[in-house]
Amino acid sequence: MPNIPINYRRFAIFLGIFILILMVIEFNSRVQELNQLNDQRDEVRIAATEAKHTEEALNTQVAYAASTEAVEKWARTEGHYVLEGEQPVIPVGQPGSAPALAATPTPVPTPVPNWQEWWNLFFGK
């Protein structure tokens, strides 16, 4: 085997280029990870903002529900309460008038299978 002289300068250059390539690959993976983390941060910020708006809306509803105005509105509409001195009005039908008729739903036709339609066409019912 022939004796090949080792050129230390050339070896150092190749070793430096190899280490530089490894550093570029590592840097690229870190930049990609940074971009993914930034995207996740933006999504979390959006979710937090939406949650904050929802909290504010719910706090507004709670404040209204605890107010005197909301209680009075419920008492008059759903609770059927009246204040002292008021006369409750209960609507009744006119004497001799026909009661309101409830609309009867029309029956939905059931679909007939295709083979049964042909059977009825050729052989009748």
Protein backbone atom coordinates (compact mmCIF):
# COMPACT_ATOMS: atom_id res chain seq x y z
CA MET A 1 0.00 0.00 0.00
CA PRO A 2 1.48 3.28 -0.99
CA ASN A 3 2.14 5.80 1.69
CA ILE A 4 -0.36 8.68 1.17
CA PRO A 5 0.75 11.85 2.83
CA ILE A 6 -1.95 13.48 4.97
CA ASN A 7 -2.49 17.12 4.20
CA TYR A 8 -3.58 18.57 7.55
CA ARG A 9 -4.68 21.84 6.04
CA ARG A 10 -7.06 20.12 3.59
CA PHE A 11 -8.34 17.85 6.39
CA ALA A 12 -9.04 20.88 8.59
CA ILE A 13 -10.94 22.61 5.76
CA PHE A 14 -13.13 19.52 5.12
CA LEU A 15 -13.71 19.11 8.85
CA GLY A 16 -14.68 22.81 9.10
CA ILE A 17 -17.10 22.51 6.16
CA PHE A 18 -18.67 19.38 7.70
CA ILE A 19 -19.13 21.12 11.06
CA LEU A 20 -20.57 24.18 9.28
CA ILE A 21 -23.11 22.00 7.44
CA LEU A 22 -24.15 20.37 10.73
CA MET A 23 -24.55 23.80 12.32
CA VAL A 24 -26.72 25.03 9.41
CA ILE A 25 -28.95 21.94 9.70
CA GLU A 26 -29.34 22.46 13.45
CA PHE A 27 -30.06 26.17 12.96
CA ASN A 28 -32.72 25.34 10.36
CA SER A 29 -34.47 22.90 12.71
CA ARG A 30 -34.44 25.48 15.50
CA VAL A 31 -35.92 28.15 13.22
CA GLN A 32 -38.67 25.72 12.19
CA GLU A 33 -39.43 24.95 15.83
CA LEU A 34 -39.53 28.68 16.59
CA ASN A 35 -42.07 29.22 13.80
CA GLN A 36 -44.29 26.42 15.14
CA LEU A 37 -44.13 27.86 18.65
CA ASN A 38 -45.01 31.34 17.34
CA ASP A 39 -48.04 29.89 15.53
CA GLN A 40 -49.15 28.14 18.72
CA ARG A 41 -48.67 31.35 20.70
CA ASP A 42 -50.88 33.23 18.24
CA GLU A 43 -53.61 30.58 18.50
CA VAL A 44 -53.51 30.70 22.30
CA ARG A 45 -53.72 34.49 22.24
CA ILE A 46 -56.78 34.33 19.99
CA ALA A 47 -58.44 31.76 22.28
CA ALA A 48 -57.64 33.87 25.34
CA THR A 49 -59.11 36.97 23.71
CA GLU A 50 -62.30 35.09 22.82
CA ALA A 51 -62.54 33.74 26.37
CA LYS A 52 -62.12 37.26 27.77
CA HIS A 53 -64.92 38.60 25.53
CA THR A 54 -67.15 35.70 26.58
CA GLU A 55 -66.41 36.42 30.23
CA GLU A 56 -67.31 40.09 29.78
CA ALA A 57 -70.57 39.18 28.04
CA LEU A 58 -71.48 36.72 30.81
CA ASN A 59 -70.64 39.27 33.50
CA THR A 60 -72.94 41.74 31.75
CA GLN A 61 -75.74 39.17 31.71
CA VAL A 62 -75.19 38.38 35.40
CA ALA A 63 -75.29 42.07 36.29
CA TYR A 64 -78.56 42.52 34.35
CA ALA A 65 -80.10 39.38 35.88
CA ALA A 66 -79.35 40.68 39.38
CA SER A 67 -80.87 44.10 38.66
CA THR A 68 -84.31 45.19 39.83
CA GLU A 69 -85.38 45.86 36.25
CA ALA A 70 -84.82 42.22 35.23
CA VAL A 71 -86.67 40.91 38.27
CA GLU A 72 -89.67 43.15 37.58
CA LYS A 73 -89.69 42.14 33.91
CA TRP A 74 -89.67 38.45 34.80
CA ALA A 75 -92.34 38.91 37.48
CA ARG A 76 -94.73 40.61 35.06
CA THR A 77 -94.15 38.41 31.99
CA GLU A 78 -93.36 34.89 33.20
CA GLY A 79 -94.25 35.02 36.88
CA HIS A 80 -97.67 36.63 36.26
CA TYR A 81 -97.35 38.87 39.33
CA VAL A 82 -99.02 42.24 39.66
CA LEU A 83 -98.28 45.26 41.82
CA GLU A 84 -100.64 46.43 44.54
CA GLY A 85 -103.52 48.39 43.08
CA GLU A 86 -103.26 46.85 39.60
CA GLN A 87 -106.02 44.76 38.10
CA PRO A 88 -104.84 41.59 36.33
CA VAL A 89 -106.39 41.08 32.91
CA ILE A 90 -107.11 37.54 31.81
CA PRO A 91 -108.24 37.28 28.18
CA VAL A 92 -111.20 34.98 27.60
CA GLY A 93 -112.98 33.99 24.41
CA GLN A 94 -116.18 35.68 23.30
CA PRO A 95 -119.34 33.83 24.31
CA GLY A 96 -120.80 31.82 21.45
CA SER A 97 -117.66 31.88 19.33
CA ALA A 98 -116.19 28.67 17.99
CA PRO A 99 -113.05 27.42 19.69
CA ALA A 100 -109.83 27.75 17.79
CA LEU A 101 -109.24 24.73 15.63
CA ALA A 102 -105.89 23.03 15.72
CA ALA A 103 -104.51 22.28 12.29
CA THR A 104 -104.26 18.58 11.60
CA PRO A 105 -101.01 17.60 9.96
CA THR A 106 -101.24 16.06 6.52
CA PRO A 107 -100.01 12.49 6.39
CA VAL A 108 -96.69 11.95 4.67
CA PRO A 109 -96.89 9.34 1.91
CA THR A 110 -94.63 6.37 2.40
CA PRO A 111 -92.37 5.68 -0.56
CA VAL A 112 -93.14 2.50 -2.46
CA PRO A 113 -90.19 0.35 -3.54
CA ASN A 114 -89.42 0.38 -7.24
CA TRP A 115 -90.12 -3.33 -7.73
CA GLN A 116 -93.58 -2.96 -6.16
CA GLU A 117 -94.50 -0.16 -8.58
CA TRP A 118 -93.60 -2.38 -11.55
CA TRP A 119 -95.53 -5.30 -10.01
CA ASN A 120 -98.61 -3.09 -9.66
CA LEU A 121 -98.27 -1.84 -13.24
CA PHE A 122 -98.12 -5.33 -14.75
CA PHE A 123 -100.37 -7.35 -12.45
CA GLY A 124 -102.59 -4.72 -10.80
CA LYS A 125 -103.48 -4.62 -7.14
